[in-house]
Protein backbone atom coordinates (compact mmCIF):
# COMPACT_ATOMS: atom_id res chain seq x y z
CA UNK A 1 -0.03 0.01 0.04
CA UNK A 2 2.83 2.38 0.76
CA UNK A 3 4.35 1.79 -2.64
CA UNK A 4 1.16 2.97 -4.20
CA UNK A 5 0.64 5.96 -1.93
CA UNK A 6 4.14 7.44 -2.33
CA UNK A 7 3.77 7.95 -6.18
CA UNK A 8 0.23 9.31 -5.59
CA UNK A 9 1.33 11.74 -3.05
CA UNK A 10 4.39 12.80 -5.15
CA UNK A 11 2.08 13.36 -8.18
CA UNK A 12 -0.34 15.37 -6.05
CA UNK A 13 2.31 17.52 -4.61
CA UNK A 14 3.84 18.19 -8.07
CA UNK A 15 0.36 19.04 -9.45
CA UNK A 16 -0.24 21.33 -6.57
CA UNK A 17 2.98 23.22 -7.28
CA UNK A 18 2.31 23.54 -10.98
CA UNK A 19 -1.38 24.34 -10.92
CA UNK A 20 -1.06 27.92 -9.68
CA UNK A 21 1.11 28.78 -12.70
CA UNK A 22 -1.45 27.64 -15.23
CA UNK A 23 -3.98 30.37 -14.47
CA UNK A 24 -1.26 33.08 -14.36
CA UNK A 25 -0.01 31.98 -17.79
CA UNK A 26 -3.50 31.88 -19.15
CA UNK A 27 -4.06 35.49 -17.92
CA UNK A 28 -0.84 36.62 -19.62
CA UNK A 29 -1.97 34.96 -22.91
CA UNK A 30 -5.33 36.77 -22.57
CA UNK A 31 -3.61 40.15 -22.03
CA UNK A 32 -1.18 39.56 -24.85
CA UNK A 33 -4.09 38.66 -27.29
CA UNK A 34 -5.78 41.94 -26.50
CA UNK A 35 -2.60 43.83 -27.04
CA UNK A 36 -1.86 42.30 -30.50
CA UNK A 37 -2.40 44.74 -33.27
CA UNK A 38 -2.86 47.70 -31.07
CA UNK A 39 -0.68 50.55 -32.18
CA UNK A 40 0.60 52.71 -29.37
CA UNK A 41 2.08 56.10 -30.17
CA UNK A 42 4.04 58.74 -28.24
CA UNK A 43 5.38 62.15 -29.25
CA UNK A 44 8.20 64.00 -27.72
CA UNK A 45 7.57 67.71 -28.31
CA UNK A 46 9.86 70.25 -29.90
CA UNK A 47 13.13 70.93 -28.28
CA UNK A 48 14.01 74.25 -26.70
CA UNK A 49 16.61 74.86 -29.46
CA UNK A 50 13.73 74.83 -32.10
CA UNK A 51 14.47 71.28 -33.23
CA UNK A 52 11.62 68.87 -33.74
CA UNK A 53 11.06 66.09 -31.26
CA UNK A 54 10.67 62.32 -31.88
CA UNK A 55 7.53 60.45 -32.70
CA UNK A 56 7.25 56.76 -31.68
CA UNK A 57 4.88 54.00 -32.66
CA UNK A 58 4.85 50.38 -31.45
CA UNK A 59 2.69 47.34 -32.06
CA UNK A 60 2.76 43.68 -31.04
CA UNK A 61 2.27 41.26 -33.89
CA UNK A 62 1.72 37.51 -33.82
CA UNK A 63 4.50 36.83 -36.36
CA UNK A 64 8.16 35.86 -36.26
CA UNK A 65 10.56 38.87 -36.01
CA UNK A 66 12.42 37.92 -39.16
CA UNK A 67 9.14 37.91 -41.19
CA UNK A 68 8.18 41.37 -39.90
CA UNK A 69 11.62 42.68 -40.56
CA UNK A 70 11.82 41.36 -44.16
CA UNK A 71 8.33 42.72 -44.89
CA UNK A 72 9.25 46.21 -43.67
CA UNK A 73 12.57 46.14 -45.59
CA UNK A 74 10.73 45.05 -48.78
CA UNK A 75 8.22 47.91 -48.32
CA UNK A 76 11.04 50.42 -47.86
CA UNK A 77 12.81 49.13 -51.02
CA UNK A 78 9.64 49.44 -53.00
CA UNK A 79 8.87 52.93 -51.87
CA UNK A 80 10.49 55.45 -54.36
CA UNK A 81 10.03 58.41 -52.06
CA UNK A 82 12.28 57.01 -49.24
CA UNK A 83 15.87 56.07 -49.27
CA UNK A 84 17.47 53.40 -47.01
CA UNK A 85 20.21 54.82 -44.92
CA UNK A 86 21.22 51.76 -42.95
CA UNK A 87 19.93 48.11 -42.69
CA UNK A 88 21.11 45.58 -40.14
CA UNK A 89 19.27 42.25 -40.60
CA UNK A 90 21.08 40.82 -37.60
CA UNK A 91 19.60 43.46 -35.27
CA UNK A 92 16.41 43.66 -37.33
CA UNK A 93 16.98 47.40 -37.77
CA UNK A 94 16.43 49.72 -40.75
CA UNK A 95 16.93 53.51 -40.90
CA UNK A 96 15.21 55.35 -43.77
CA UNK A 97 14.89 59.01 -44.88
CA UNK A 98 12.37 61.01 -46.78
CA UNK A 99 13.63 64.50 -47.27
CA UNK A 100 14.94 65.79 -43.87
CA UNK A 101 12.75 63.28 -42.01
CA UNK A 102 14.25 60.04 -40.77
CA UNK A 103 12.86 57.02 -39.16
CA UNK A 104 14.43 53.99 -37.43
CA UNK A 105 12.48 50.78 -37.53
CA UNK A 106 13.34 47.90 -35.06
CA UNK A 107 11.80 44.48 -34.59
CA UNK A 108 12.21 42.75 -31.25
CA UNK A 109 11.13 39.11 -30.80
CA UNK A 110 9.28 38.12 -27.63
CA UNK A 111 9.12 34.41 -28.59
CA UNK A 112 9.01 32.51 -31.93
CA UNK A 113 5.35 33.65 -32.58
CA UNK A 114 5.17 37.22 -31.14
CA UNK A 115 7.25 40.27 -31.88
CA UNK A 116 7.21 43.92 -31.32
CA UNK A 117 7.58 46.42 -34.24
CA UNK A 118 8.89 49.85 -33.13
CA UNK A 119 9.38 52.95 -35.36
CA UNK A 120 10.87 56.17 -34.24
CA UNK A 121 10.61 59.21 -36.47
CA UNK A 122 12.47 62.53 -36.42
CA UNK A 123 11.84 65.69 -38.44
CA UNK A 124 14.57 67.93 -39.55
CA UNK A 125 14.58 71.74 -38.88
CA UNK A 126 11.48 73.31 -40.29
CA UNK A 127 9.79 69.97 -41.03
CA UNK A 128 6.44 69.10 -39.37
CA UNK A 129 5.78 66.25 -37.03
CA UNK A 130 6.31 62.69 -38.22
CA UNK A 131 3.58 61.22 -36.07
CA UNK A 132 1.21 60.35 -38.86
CA UNK A 133 4.02 59.10 -41.12
CA UNK A 134 5.21 56.73 -38.36
CA UNK A 135 1.77 55.34 -37.65
CA UNK A 136 1.07 55.04 -41.42
CA UNK A 137 4.30 53.00 -41.74
CA UNK A 138 3.23 50.61 -39.00
CA UNK A 139 -0.21 50.23 -40.65
CA UNK A 140 1.43 49.50 -44.00
CA UNK A 141 3.52 46.65 -42.46
CA UNK A 142 0.42 45.29 -40.72
CA UNK A 143 -1.58 45.40 -43.93
CA UNK A 144 1.13 43.74 -46.01
CA UNK A 145 1.34 40.91 -43.46
CA UNK A 146 -2.45 40.48 -43.37
CA UNK A 147 -2.65 41.54 -39.70
CA UNK A 148 -5.40 43.69 -38.35
CA UNK A 149 -3.95 46.75 -36.53
CA UNK A 150 -5.54 49.76 -35.11
CA UNK A 151 -4.42 52.92 -33.29
CA UNK A 152 -4.90 52.64 -29.57
CA UNK A 153 -6.77 55.54 -27.85
């Protein structure tokens, strides 16, 4: 009887230890699913010296980082109004320019299936804000990948 009870007790203790983690992981998955495709943006206002600030946009996508990066790079290559200043596939980073405006795009993997796309834009002296351009760039990547994305309020 003891030989039967020991494995049952051990299995019960192990299940008891692992059980609390399952609901926490399920909650994280639920939160992550709600965040997928929601574009968050932030603007840093003009600097005291008259220089324009930076505009940022980020979105979580349920796609591998390399796929997002290659899609963004291909869109930049096809766009005749921008020029690619720098590309680093290893770091999944691209820097592009349109006139005096520049933007840096970076893709960060969270795991094999979820990645974050981040774009920071900067306008040159006398140029307007890059906020709408940065958000539009994120939306173009989402559309090209067949992902539904929307700007978060």
